[in-house]
Amino acid sequence: MIEAFCTDMQPPAERAEYWRDAVRRAFTRLEIHAQGTAELHGAIRRTYMAGVQAGFLEASPQRMARTAPLIAADRDGSLIVSLQRTGDSVTVQDGRETLVTAGELVILDSRRPYVLDFTDPVRQHLATVPRQMLDLPDSLLSLATGRTYSPGHGIGGILASYVDGLVATTEHCVCAQDSQRFLRQGIVDVLTALVALEGATGEQSAVEQALLQRVRGYIRAHLDDPALSPASVAAVHHISVRYLYQLFQDEPMTVGRWIQRLRLEACRRDLVRPELVGQTVAAIAHRWGFASHAHFSRTFRAVYGLSPAQWRQAGVLQAAPLQATGSLLKTPDS
């Protein structure tokens, strides 16, 4: 069975409610809100295949939240395997907050709260697997959810390729019942192998993960401090700078680049907030920890392709937000 949903086919006044219902029918119940002044837009195509669903989601900048009341209203749960094809998003589940970039995969459990923040228009390839199909304890599942897996991760890369192939297969052909069962068993087996692998190494890294979350929380709370740096963060947590970088070695960015990214994103939002129109670009940059206006302007242009003043003038929240050019990927800090 194939289902398709698209907001562009609906009257403008009805698109938001239509989209929320489409996401519920295709995946699970979620609270959905647009980012800033953007309107909710999206398209979904999914195929139901021997108990597993596969398809794609395209969405405008928005926040999706799986809350406790929504979970209580649902009887069953599923694991959602999401492969980011375009755009950036931020995923939060089980105490882990993760930036997901194109090519990366994340696993979510619909039986526990999670948040998806689409900061850009995104396309995701998705597979939804009922929880009862995996013969694994929840203690192992909780170690695998809310974290990213890159194409070079080994089993994570195999799972990403499988999801991509599954979506392509269901888009271009109708599979016989026997074929559907084999395809379903394939994703169940690879997903089980990945979760089991995470469980084997998860206990060793539990302490490091807890420390990493404390570090991330501290950075967010002190983002407006111009003195915030890898060295100051390490000193506060009584660890060496080298060990701090080890904590971030499996993250998409180094700790220094992540601090810079968060500051740039905060400035990008504030530059187009109507209530801050009277504040200068320099004042906004300074509030978020940029001591040098010239350095801020160069960095902002390098990442977003426009100067801060041009970004503010364009009012980009009313159009499609630009994507970062990649200069903030894991590279040596400057």
C-alpha atoms as a PDB file:
ATOM      1  CA  MET A   1       0.000   0.000   0.000  1.00  0.00           C
ATOM      2  CA  ILE A   2       1.378   3.386  -1.046  1.00  0.00           C
ATOM      3  CA  GLU A   3       0.263   6.688   0.458  1.00  0.00           C
ATOM      4  CA  ALA A   4       1.283  10.201  -0.512  1.00  0.00           C
ATOM      5  CA  PHE A   5       0.664  13.558   1.164  1.00  0.00           C
ATOM      6  CA  CYS A   6       1.560  17.056  -0.060  1.00  0.00           C
ATOM      7  CA  THR A   7       0.620  20.412   1.456  1.00  0.00           C
ATOM      8  CA  ASP A   8       0.903  22.186  -1.917  1.00  0.00           C
ATOM      9  CA  MET A   9      -2.306  20.472  -2.987  1.00  0.00           C
ATOM     10  CA  GLN A  10      -4.264  22.029  -0.103  1.00  0.00           C
ATOM     11  CA  PRO A  11      -5.759  25.533   0.383  1.00  0.00           C
ATOM     12  CA  PRO A  12      -3.244  27.745   2.216  1.00  0.00           C
ATOM     13  CA  ALA A  13      -5.469  28.125   5.287  1.00  0.00           C
ATOM     14  CA  GLU A  14      -5.715  24.348   5.698  1.00  0.00           C
ATOM     15  CA  ARG A  15      -2.083  23.341   5.097  1.00  0.00           C
ATOM     16  CA  ALA A  16      -0.842  23.427   8.689  1.00  0.00           C
ATOM     17  CA  GLU A  17      -3.598  21.171  10.038  1.00  0.00           C
ATOM     18  CA  TYR A  18      -3.369  18.909   6.977  1.00  0.00           C
ATOM     19  CA  TRP A  19       0.383  18.517   7.517  1.00  0.00           C
ATOM     20  CA  ARG A  20       0.034  17.610  11.191  1.00  0.00           C
ATOM     21  CA  ASP A  21      -2.548  14.956  10.306  1.00  0.00           C
ATOM     22  CA  ALA A  22      -0.392  13.623   7.456  1.00  0.00           C
ATOM     23  CA  VAL A  23       2.618  13.159   9.747  1.00  0.00           C
ATOM     24  CA  ARG A  24       0.420  11.415  12.315  1.00  0.00           C
ATOM     25  CA  ARG A  25      -1.005   9.029   9.732  1.00  0.00           C
ATOM     26  CA  ALA A  26       2.349   8.310   8.090  1.00  0.00           C
ATOM     27  CA  PHE A  27       4.581   8.010  11.153  1.00  0.00           C
ATOM     28  CA  THR A  28       3.353   8.906  14.648  1.00  0.00           C
ATOM     29  CA  ARG A  29       1.642  11.650  16.668  1.00  0.00           C
ATOM     30  CA  LEU A  30       3.818  14.755  16.937  1.00  0.00           C
ATOM     31  CA  GLU A  31       3.440  18.349  18.013  1.00  0.00           C
ATOM     32  CA  ILE A  32       4.513  20.429  15.006  1.00  0.00           C
ATOM     33  CA  HIS A  33       5.313  24.133  14.890  1.00  0.00           C
ATOM     34  CA  ALA A  34       6.891  26.261  12.168  1.00  0.00           C
ATOM     35  CA  GLN A  35      10.296  27.832  12.780  1.00  0.00           C
ATOM     36  CA  GLY A  36      10.076  31.625  13.081  1.00  0.00           C
ATOM     37  CA  THR A  37       7.695  33.165  10.568  1.00  0.00           C
ATOM     38  CA  ALA A  38       8.002  30.327   8.069  1.00  0.00           C
ATOM     39  CA  GLU A  39       4.858  28.460   7.020  1.00  0.00           C
ATOM     40  CA  LEU A  40       4.461  24.709   7.353  1.00  0.00           C
ATOM     41  CA  HIS A  41       5.092  22.903   4.092  1.00  0.00           C
ATOM     42  CA  GLY A  42       5.868  19.299   3.372  1.00  0.00           C
ATOM     43  CA  ALA A  43       5.442  16.139   1.365  1.00  0.00           C
ATOM     44  CA  ILE A  44       5.425  12.473   2.384  1.00  0.00           C
ATOM     45  CA  ARG A  45       5.445   9.266   0.403  1.00  0.00           C
ATOM     46  CA  ARG A  46       5.407   5.954   2.229  1.00  0.00           C
ATOM     47  CA  THR A  47       4.938   2.287   1.440  1.00  0.00           C
ATOM     48  CA  TYR A  48       3.624  -0.268   3.931  1.00  0.00           C
ATOM     49  CA  MET A  49       5.578  -3.471   3.450  1.00  0.00           C
ATOM     50  CA  ALA A  50       5.007  -6.580   5.560  1.00  0.00           C
ATOM     51  CA  GLY A  51       4.769  -4.569   8.778  1.00  0.00           C
ATOM     52  CA  VAL A  52       7.593  -2.134   7.991  1.00  0.00           C
ATOM     53  CA  GLN A  53       7.092   1.301   6.457  1.00  0.00           C
ATOM     54  CA  ALA A  54       9.562   2.977   4.094  1.00  0.00           C
ATOM     55  CA  GLY A  55       9.452   6.285   2.296  1.00  0.00           C
ATOM     56  CA  PHE A  56      10.583   9.893   2.327  1.00  0.00           C
ATOM     57  CA  LEU A  57       9.678  13.127   4.065  1.00  0.00           C
ATOM     58  CA  GLU A  58      10.329  16.640   2.750  1.00  0.00           C
ATOM     59  CA  ALA A  59       9.656  19.480   5.187  1.00  0.00           C
ATOM     60  CA  SER A  60      10.085  23.221   5.638  1.00  0.00           C
ATOM     61  CA  PRO A  61      11.923  24.554   8.726  1.00  0.00           C
ATOM     62  CA  GLN A  62       9.874  23.337  11.698  1.00  0.00           C
ATOM     63  CA  ARG A  63       9.983  21.645  15.087  1.00  0.00           C
ATOM     64  CA  MET A  64       8.449  18.227  15.682  1.00  0.00           C
ATOM     65  CA  ALA A  65       8.085  17.002  19.259  1.00  0.00           C
ATOM     66  CA  ARG A  66       7.040  13.596  20.563  1.00  0.00           C
ATOM     67  CA  THR A  67       5.687  14.447  24.014  1.00  0.00           C
ATOM     68  CA  ALA A  68       4.662  12.304  26.988  1.00  0.00           C
ATOM     69  CA  PRO A  69       0.896  12.962  26.531  1.00  0.00           C
ATOM     70  CA  LEU A  70       1.118  11.893  22.878  1.00  0.00           C
ATOM     71  CA  ILE A  71       3.022   8.751  23.834  1.00  0.00           C
ATOM     72  CA  ALA A  72       0.375   7.909  26.428  1.00  0.00           C
ATOM     73  CA  ALA A  73      -2.311   8.145  23.729  1.00  0.00           C
ATOM     74  CA  ASP A  74      -0.605   5.512  21.552  1.00  0.00           C
ATOM     75  CA  ARG A  75      -0.704   1.821  22.321  1.00  0.00           C
ATOM     76  CA  ASP A  76       2.240   0.590  20.266  1.00  0.00           C
ATOM     77  CA  GLY A  77       5.721   1.923  19.565  1.00  0.00           C
ATOM     78  CA  SER A  78       8.173   1.868  16.697  1.00  0.00           C
ATOM     79  CA  LEU A  79      11.789   2.552  15.919  1.00  0.00           C
ATOM     80  CA  ILE A  80      12.188   5.258  13.304  1.00  0.00           C
ATOM     81  CA  VAL A  81      15.360   5.027  11.230  1.00  0.00           C
ATOM     82  CA  SER A  82      15.929   8.415   9.604  1.00  0.00           C
ATOM     83  CA  LEU A  83      18.568   9.042   6.935  1.00  0.00           C
ATOM     84  CA  GLN A  84      19.195  12.744   6.279  1.00  0.00           C
ATOM     85  CA  ARG A  85      19.493  13.360   2.560  1.00  0.00           C
ATOM     86  CA  THR A  86      19.513  17.187   2.434  1.00  0.00           C
ATOM     87  CA  GLY A  87      19.558  20.005   4.987  1.00  0.00           C
ATOM     88  CA  ASP A  88      20.512  20.108   8.663  1.00  0.00           C
ATOM     89  CA  SER A  89      18.467  19.149  11.700  1.00  0.00           C
ATOM     90  CA  VAL A  90      18.948  18.771  15.441  1.00  0.00           C
ATOM     91  CA  THR A  91      17.700  15.630  17.198  1.00  0.00           C
ATOM     92  CA  VAL A  92      17.155  15.261  20.950  1.00  0.00           C
ATOM     93  CA  GLN A  93      16.350  11.957  22.674  1.00  0.00           C
ATOM     94  CA  ASP A  94      17.534  10.136  25.799  1.00  0.00           C
ATOM     95  CA  GLY A  95      19.578  13.132  26.919  1.00  0.00           C
ATOM     96  CA  ARG A  96      21.514  13.343  23.667  1.00  0.00           C
ATOM     97  CA  GLU A  97      21.324  16.431  21.472  1.00  0.00           C
ATOM     98  CA  THR A  98      22.801  15.794  18.041  1.00  0.00           C
ATOM     99  CA  LEU A  99      23.317  17.847  14.903  1.00  0.00           C
ATOM    100  CA  VAL A 100      22.346  15.681  11.915  1.00  0.00           C
ATOM    101  CA  THR A 101      23.814  16.657   8.559  1.00  0.00           C
ATOM    102  CA  ALA A 102      23.298  15.262   5.056  1.00  0.00           C
ATOM    103  CA  GLY A 103      24.366  11.625   4.783  1.00  0.00           C
ATOM    104  CA  GLU A 104      23.989  10.860   8.492  1.00  0.00           C
ATOM    105  CA  LEU A 105      21.505   8.472  10.069  1.00  0.00           C
ATOM    106  CA  VAL A 106      19.722   8.650  13.421  1.00  0.00           C
ATOM    107  CA  ILE A 107      17.463   6.174  15.256  1.00  0.00           C
ATOM    108  CA  LEU A 108      14.479   7.324  17.342  1.00  0.00           C
ATOM    109  CA  ASP A 109      12.160   5.379  19.642  1.00  0.00           C
ATOM    110  CA  SER A 110       8.554   6.594  19.486  1.00  0.00           C
ATOM    111  CA  ARG A 111       7.881   5.227  23.002  1.00  0.00           C
ATOM    112  CA  ARG A 112      10.070   7.932  24.562  1.00  0.00           C
ATOM    113  CA  PRO A 113      10.008  11.726  24.101  1.00  0.00           C
ATOM    114  CA  TYR A 114      12.103  13.252  21.363  1.00  0.00           C
ATOM    115  CA  VAL A 115      12.440  16.521  19.459  1.00  0.00           C
ATOM    116  CA  LEU A 116      13.338  17.176  15.829  1.00  0.00           C
ATOM    117  CA  ASP A 117      14.413  20.694  14.846  1.00  0.00           C
ATOM    118  CA  PHE A 118      14.634  21.268  11.097  1.00  0.00           C
ATOM    119  CA  THR A 119      16.743  24.418  10.769  1.00  0.00           C
ATOM    120  CA  ASP A 120      16.693  24.176   6.953  1.00  0.00           C
ATOM    121  CA  PRO A 121      14.358  22.596   4.426  1.00  0.00           C
ATOM    122  CA  VAL A 122      15.110  18.885   4.674  1.00  0.00           C
ATOM    123  CA  ARG A 123      14.593  15.615   2.873  1.00  0.00           C
ATOM    124  CA  GLN A 124      14.800  12.405   4.862  1.00  0.00           C
ATOM    125  CA  HIS A 125      14.538   8.759   3.879  1.00  0.00           C
ATOM    126  CA  LEU A 126      12.739   6.839   6.602  1.00  0.00           C
ATOM    127  CA  ALA A 127      12.026   3.308   7.702  1.00  0.00           C
ATOM    128  CA  THR A 128       9.657   2.605  10.593  1.00  0.00           C
ATOM    129  CA  VAL A 129      10.045  -0.758  12.331  1.00  0.00           C
ATOM    130  CA  PRO A 130       7.565  -1.933  15.012  1.00  0.00           C
ATOM    131  CA  ARG A 131       9.329  -2.403  18.343  1.00  0.00           C
ATOM    132  CA  GLN A 132       8.114  -5.982  18.774  1.00  0.00           C
ATOM    133  CA  MET A 133      10.065  -7.057  15.684  1.00  0.00           C
ATOM    134  CA  LEU A 134      13.382  -6.527  17.509  1.00  0.00           C
ATOM    135  CA  ASP A 135      14.277  -9.108  20.137  1.00  0.00           C
ATOM    136  CA  LEU A 136      16.362  -6.670  22.170  1.00  0.00           C
ATOM    137  CA  PRO A 137      16.052  -5.210  25.674  1.00  0.00           C
ATOM    138  CA  ASP A 138      15.185  -1.535  26.092  1.00  0.00           C
ATOM    139  CA  SER A 139      18.456  -1.017  27.949  1.00  0.00           C
ATOM    140  CA  LEU A 140      20.327  -1.632  24.691  1.00  0.00           C
ATOM    141  CA  LEU A 141      17.916   0.366  22.547  1.00  0.00           C
ATOM    142  CA  SER A 142      18.352   3.447  24.718  1.00  0.00           C
ATOM    143  CA  LEU A 143      22.098   3.383  23.989  1.00  0.00           C
ATOM    144  CA  ALA A 144      21.544   3.499  20.228  1.00  0.00           C
ATOM    145  CA  THR A 145      18.834   6.163  19.935  1.00  0.00           C
ATOM    146  CA  GLY A 146      19.352   9.892  19.555  1.00  0.00           C
ATOM    147  CA  ARG A 147      22.868   9.585  18.131  1.00  0.00           C
ATOM    148  CA  THR A 148      24.140   9.887  14.576  1.00  0.00           C
ATOM    149  CA  TYR A 149      25.776   7.236  12.423  1.00  0.00           C
ATOM    150  CA  SER A 150      27.887   8.242   9.444  1.00  0.00           C
ATOM    151  CA  PRO A 151      28.333   6.307   6.171  1.00  0.00           C
ATOM    152  CA  GLY A 152      31.774   5.243   7.444  1.00  0.00           C
ATOM    153  CA  HIS A 153      30.457   3.876  10.760  1.00  0.00           C
ATOM    154  CA  GLY A 154      30.483   0.219   9.695  1.00  0.00           C
ATOM    155  CA  ILE A 155      27.113  -1.305  10.558  1.00  0.00           C
ATOM    156  CA  GLY A 156      25.624   2.197  10.747  1.00  0.00           C
ATOM    157  CA  GLY A 157      26.764   2.759   7.171  1.00  0.00           C
ATOM    158  CA  ILE A 158      25.250  -0.545   6.097  1.00  0.00           C
ATOM    159  CA  LEU A 159      21.927   0.448   7.682  1.00  0.00           C
ATOM    160  CA  ALA A 160      22.000   3.843   5.947  1.00  0.00           C
ATOM    161  CA  SER A 161      22.621   2.184   2.584  1.00  0.00           C
ATOM    162  CA  TYR A 162      19.838  -0.313   3.265  1.00  0.00           C
ATOM    163  CA  VAL A 163      17.319   2.427   4.077  1.00  0.00           C
ATOM    164  CA  ASP A 164      18.323   4.308   0.914  1.00  0.00           C
ATOM    165  CA  GLY A 165      17.893   1.161  -1.167  1.00  0.00           C
ATOM    166  CA  LEU A 166      14.621   0.272   0.507  1.00  0.00           C
ATOM    167  CA  VAL A 167      13.130   3.678  -0.283  1.00  0.00           C
ATOM    168  CA  ALA A 168      14.341   3.499  -3.888  1.00  0.00           C
ATOM    169  CA  THR A 169      12.934  -0.016  -4.308  1.00  0.00           C
ATOM    170  CA  THR A 170       9.506   0.882  -2.958  1.00  0.00           C
ATOM    171  CA  GLU A 171       9.369   3.995  -5.146  1.00  0.00           C
ATOM    172  CA  HIS A 172      10.014   2.196  -8.408  1.00  0.00           C
ATOM    173  CA  CYS A 173       8.369  -1.188  -8.079  1.00  0.00           C
ATOM    174  CA  VAL A 174       5.673  -3.138  -6.295  1.00  0.00           C
ATOM    175  CA  CYS A 175       7.226  -6.070  -4.440  1.00  0.00           C
ATOM    176  CA  ALA A 176       5.618  -9.471  -4.097  1.00  0.00           C
ATOM    177  CA  GLN A 177       4.655 -10.619  -0.602  1.00  0.00           C
ATOM    178  CA  ASP A 178       7.628 -12.984  -0.323  1.00  0.00           C
ATOM    179  CA  SER A 179      10.030 -10.228  -1.386  1.00  0.00           C
ATOM    180  CA  GLN A 180       8.494  -7.850   1.135  1.00  0.00           C
ATOM    181  CA  ARG A 181       9.108 -10.307   3.961  1.00  0.00           C
ATOM    182  CA  PHE A 182      12.752 -10.727   2.955  1.00  0.00           C
ATOM    183  CA  LEU A 183      13.256  -6.953   2.740  1.00  0.00           C
ATOM    184  CA  ARG A 184      11.592  -6.510   6.119  1.00  0.00           C
ATOM    185  CA  GLN A 185      13.804  -9.152   7.695  1.00  0.00           C
ATOM    186  CA  GLY A 186      16.868  -7.503   6.199  1.00  0.00           C
ATOM    187  CA  ILE A 187      16.311  -4.159   7.906  1.00  0.00           C
ATOM    188  CA  VAL A 188      15.347  -5.874  11.164  1.00  0.00           C
ATOM    189  CA  ASP A 189      18.606  -7.879  11.102  1.00  0.00           C
ATOM    190  CA  VAL A 190      20.860  -4.914  10.315  1.00  0.00           C
ATOM    191  CA  LEU A 191      19.110  -2.700  12.880  1.00  0.00           C
ATOM    192  CA  THR A 192      19.445  -5.440  15.504  1.00  0.00           C
ATOM    193  CA  ALA A 193      23.155  -5.813  14.729  1.00  0.00           C
ATOM    194  CA  LEU A 194      23.719  -2.075  15.109  1.00  0.00           C
ATOM    195  CA  VAL A 195      21.881  -1.869  18.439  1.00  0.00           C
ATOM    196  CA  ALA A 196      23.741  -4.916  19.763  1.00  0.00           C
ATOM    197  CA  LEU A 197      27.068  -3.348  18.769  1.00  0.00           C
ATOM    198  CA  GLU A 198      26.197  -0.119  20.553  1.00  0.00           C
ATOM    199  CA  GLY A 199      25.248  -2.120  23.636  1.00  0.00           C
ATOM    200  CA  ALA A 200      28.594  -3.929  23.661  1.00  0.00           C
ATOM    201  CA  THR A 201      30.476  -0.624  23.802  1.00  0.00           C
ATOM    202  CA  GLY A 202      27.820   1.474  25.520  1.00  0.00           C
ATOM    203  CA  GLU A 203      28.632   0.622  29.106  1.00  0.00           C
ATOM    204  CA  GLN A 204      32.255   1.646  28.598  1.00  0.00           C
ATOM    205  CA  SER A 205      31.255   5.017  27.234  1.00  0.00           C
ATOM    206  CA  ALA A 206      28.363   5.767  29.633  1.00  0.00           C
ATOM    207  CA  VAL A 207      30.529   7.911  31.896  1.00  0.00           C
ATOM    208  CA  GLU A 208      31.988   9.781  28.926  1.00  0.00           C
ATOM    209  CA  GLN A 209      28.531  10.384  27.477  1.00  0.00           C
ATOM    210  CA  ALA A 210      27.311  11.817  30.778  1.00  0.00           C
ATOM    211  CA  LEU A 211      30.317  14.122  30.892  1.00  0.00           C
ATOM    212  CA  LEU A 212      29.777  15.136  27.270  1.00  0.00           C
ATOM    213  CA  GLN A 213      26.187  16.132  28.034  1.00  0.00           C
ATOM    214  CA  ARG A 214      27.313  18.228  30.993  1.00  0.00           C
ATOM    215  CA  VAL A 215      29.896  19.913  28.780  1.00  0.00           C
ATOM    216  CA  ARG A 216      27.326  20.641  26.070  1.00  0.00           C
ATOM    217  CA  GLY A 217      24.913  22.051  28.630  1.00  0.00           C
ATOM    218  CA  TYR A 218      27.617  24.275  30.089  1.00  0.00           C
ATOM    219  CA  ILE A 219      28.536  25.589  26.640  1.00  0.00           C
ATOM    220  CA  ARG A 220      24.927  26.456  25.810  1.00  0.00           C
ATOM    221  CA  ALA A 221      24.478  28.213  29.155  1.00  0.00           C
ATOM    222  CA  HIS A 222      27.645  30.325  28.673  1.00  0.00           C
ATOM    223  CA  LEU A 223      27.451  30.916  24.934  1.00  0.00           C
ATOM    224  CA  ASP A 224      27.311  34.695  25.445  1.00  0.00           C
ATOM    225  CA  ASP A 225      30.607  34.718  27.369  1.00  0.00           C
ATOM    226  CA  PRO A 226      33.384  36.053  25.085  1.00  0.00           C
ATOM    227  CA  ALA A 227      35.921  34.061  27.136  1.00  0.00           C
ATOM    228  CA  LEU A 228      34.203  30.745  26.391  1.00  0.00           C
ATOM    229  CA  SER A 229      36.715  28.463  24.645  1.00  0.00           C
ATOM    230  CA  PRO A 230      37.823  24.828  24.669  1.00  0.00           C
ATOM    231  CA  ALA A 231      40.447  25.729  27.267  1.00  0.00           C
ATOM    232  CA  SER A 232      37.961  27.415  29.613  1.00  0.00           C
ATOM    233  CA  VAL A 233      35.443  24.572  29.223  1.00  0.00           C
ATOM    234  CA  ALA A 234      38.118  21.987  30.023  1.00  0.00           C
ATOM    235  CA  ALA A 235      39.253  23.936  33.085  1.00  0.00           C
ATOM    236  CA  VAL A 236      35.744  24.215  34.519  1.00  0.00           C
ATOM    237  CA  HIS A 237      35.236  20.449  34.162  1.00  0.00           C
ATOM    238  CA  HIS A 238      38.715  19.592  35.532  1.00  0.00           C
ATOM    239  CA  ILE A 239      39.840  17.774  32.404  1.00  0.00           C
ATOM    240  CA  SER A 240      42.584  18.410  29.886  1.00  0.00           C
ATOM    241  CA  VAL A 241      41.904  20.107  26.557  1.00  0.00           C
ATOM    242  CA  ARG A 242      43.116  16.947  24.844  1.00  0.00           C
ATOM    243  CA  TYR A 243      40.544  14.834  26.684  1.00  0.00           C
ATOM    244  CA  LEU A 244      37.830  17.380  25.837  1.00  0.00           C
ATOM    245  CA  TYR A 245      38.624  16.902  22.154  1.00  0.00           C
ATOM    246  CA  GLN A 246      38.455  13.124  22.643  1.00  0.00           C
ATOM    247  CA  LEU A 247      34.923  13.503  24.016  1.00  0.00           C
ATOM    248  CA  PHE A 248      33.932  15.225  20.756  1.00  0.00           C
ATOM    249  CA  GLN A 249      35.821  12.877  18.425  1.00  0.00           C
ATOM    250  CA  ASP A 250      32.644  11.077  17.285  1.00  0.00           C
ATOM    251  CA  GLU A 251      30.636  14.302  16.966  1.00  0.00           C
ATOM    252  CA  PRO A 252      30.127  16.039  13.598  1.00  0.00           C
ATOM    253  CA  MET A 253      32.245  19.022  14.740  1.00  0.00           C
ATOM    254  CA  THR A 254      35.120  19.677  17.078  1.00  0.00           C
ATOM    255  CA  VAL A 255      34.239  21.471  20.306  1.00  0.00           C
ATOM    256  CA  GLY A 256      35.631  24.795  19.045  1.00  0.00           C
ATOM    257  CA  ARG A 257      33.695  24.597  15.788  1.00  0.00           C
ATOM    258  CA  TRP A 258      30.540  23.620  17.636  1.00  0.00           C
ATOM    259  CA  ILE A 259      30.786  26.680  19.888  1.00  0.00           C
ATOM    260  CA  GLN A 260      31.251  28.843  16.809  1.00  0.00           C
ATOM    261  CA  ARG A 261      28.297  27.186  15.046  1.00  0.00           C
ATOM    262  CA  LEU A 262      25.968  27.756  18.003  1.00  0.00           C
ATOM    263  CA  ARG A 263      26.996  31.406  18.218  1.00  0.00           C
ATOM    264  CA  LEU A 264      26.456  31.945  14.503  1.00  0.00           C
ATOM    265  CA  GLU A 265      23.030  30.299  14.639  1.00  0.00           C
ATOM    266  CA  ALA A 266      22.031  32.513  17.579  1.00  0.00           C
ATOM    267  CA  CYS A 267      23.146  35.617  15.682  1.00  0.00           C
ATOM    268  CA  ARG A 268      21.368  34.447  12.529  1.00  0.00           C
ATOM    269  CA  ARG A 269      18.081  34.162  14.436  1.00  0.00           C
ATOM    270  CA  ASP A 270      18.457  37.475  16.252  1.00  0.00           C
ATOM    271  CA  LEU A 271      19.324  39.414  13.098  1.00  0.00           C
ATOM    272  CA  VAL A 272      15.812  38.855  11.710  1.00  0.00           C
ATOM    273  CA  ARG A 273      13.817  39.128  14.929  1.00  0.00           C
ATOM    274  CA  PRO A 274      11.478  42.145  14.563  1.00  0.00           C
ATOM    275  CA  GLU A 275      11.907  43.196  18.202  1.00  0.00           C
ATOM    276  CA  LEU A 276      15.682  43.531  17.687  1.00  0.00           C
ATOM    277  CA  VAL A 277      15.543  45.652  14.546  1.00  0.00           C
ATOM    278  CA  GLY A 278      16.906  48.643  16.463  1.00  0.00           C
ATOM    279  CA  GLN A 279      20.059  46.833  17.563  1.00  0.00           C
ATOM    280  CA  THR A 280      23.187  46.987  15.454  1.00  0.00           C
ATOM    281  CA  VAL A 281      24.803  43.930  13.928  1.00  0.00           C
ATOM    282  CA  ALA A 282      27.846  44.540  16.116  1.00  0.00           C
ATOM    283  CA  ALA A 283      25.714  44.597  19.276  1.00  0.00           C
ATOM    284  CA  ILE A 284      24.063  41.282  18.396  1.00  0.00           C
ATOM    285  CA  ALA A 285      27.412  39.683  17.589  1.00  0.00           C
ATOM    286  CA  HIS A 286      28.922  40.932  20.843  1.00  0.00           C
ATOM    287  CA  ARG A 287      25.990  39.605  22.873  1.00  0.00           C
ATOM    288  CA  TRP A 288      26.704  36.107  21.545  1.00  0.00           C
ATOM    289  CA  GLY A 289      30.395  36.126  22.375  1.00  0.00           C
ATOM    290  CA  PHE A 290      32.019  37.558  19.241  1.00  0.00           C
ATOM    291  CA  ALA A 291      34.608  40.034  20.484  1.00  0.00           C
ATOM    292  CA  SER A 292      35.599  41.190  16.991  1.00  0.00           C
ATOM    293  CA  HIS A 293      32.934  42.503  14.621  1.00  0.00           C
ATOM    294  CA  ALA A 294      35.245  42.032  11.622  1.00  0.00           C
ATOM    295  CA  HIS A 295      35.917  38.386  12.534  1.00  0.00           C
ATOM    296  CA  PHE A 296      32.187  37.782  13.009  1.00  0.00           C
ATOM    297  CA  SER A 297      31.338  39.278   9.607  1.00  0.00           C
ATOM    298  CA  ARG A 298      33.991  37.208   7.811  1.00  0.00           C
ATOM    299  CA  THR A 299      32.900  33.998   9.516  1.00  0.00           C
ATOM    300  CA  PHE A 300      29.202  34.651   8.911  1.00  0.00           C
ATOM    301  CA  ARG A 301      29.781  35.299   5.192  1.00  0.00           C
ATOM    302  CA  ALA A 302      31.977  32.209   4.861  1.00  0.00           C
ATOM    303  CA  VAL A 303      29.258  29.994   6.312  1.00  0.00           C
ATOM    304  CA  TYR A 304      26.043  31.497   4.911  1.00  0.00           C
ATOM    305  CA  GLY A 305      27.245  33.254   1.759  1.00  0.00           C
ATOM    306  CA  LEU A 306      25.913  36.673   2.815  1.00  0.00           C
ATOM    307  CA  SER A 307      27.149  39.358   5.144  1.00  0.00           C
ATOM    308  CA  PRO A 308      25.175  39.792   8.402  1.00  0.00           C
ATOM    309  CA  ALA A 309      23.737  43.062   7.066  1.00  0.00           C
ATOM    310  CA  GLN A 310      22.627  41.391   3.825  1.00  0.00           C
ATOM    311  CA  TRP A 311      21.078  38.522   5.783  1.00  0.00           C
ATOM    312  CA  ARG A 312      19.121  40.962   7.949  1.00  0.00           C
ATOM    313  CA  GLN A 313      17.952  42.964   4.933  1.00  0.00           C
ATOM    314  CA  ALA A 314      16.821  39.892   3.025  1.00  0.00           C
ATOM    315  CA  GLY A 315      14.615  38.713   5.897  1.00  0.00           C
ATOM    316  CA  VAL A 316      15.553  35.130   5.137  1.00  0.00           C
ATOM    317  CA  LEU A 317      13.118  33.584   7.611  1.00  0.00           C
ATOM    318  CA  GLN A 318      10.380  34.388   5.122  1.00  0.00           C
ATOM    319  CA  ALA A 319      12.194  32.431   2.423  1.00  0.00           C
ATOM    320  CA  ALA A 320      14.237  29.241   2.339  1.00  0.00           C
ATOM    321  CA  PRO A 321      17.107  29.471   4.844  1.00  0.00           C
ATOM    322  CA  LEU A 322      20.556  29.061   3.381  1.00  0.00           C
ATOM    323  CA  GLN A 323      22.650  26.008   4.119  1.00  0.00           C
ATOM    324  CA  ALA A 324      26.106  26.205   5.578  1.00  0.00           C
ATOM    325  CA  THR A 325      28.819  25.824   2.964  1.00  0.00           C
ATOM    326  CA  GLY A 326      30.652  23.200   4.972  1.00  0.00           C
ATOM    327  CA  SER A 327      33.347  25.373   6.498  1.00  0.00           C
ATOM    328  CA  LEU A 328      32.270  24.254   9.963  1.00  0.00           C
ATOM    329  CA  LEU A 329      32.817  20.563   9.417  1.00  0.00           C
ATOM    330  CA  LYS A 330      35.326  18.797  11.620  1.00  0.00           C
ATOM    331  CA  THR A 331      38.591  20.577  10.840  1.00  0.00           C
ATOM    332  CA  PRO A 332      41.319  21.981  13.066  1.00  0.00           C
ATOM    333  CA  ASP A 333      40.061  24.927  15.092  1.00  0.00           C
ATOM    334  CA  SER A 334      41.268  28.379  14.170  1.00  0.00           C
END
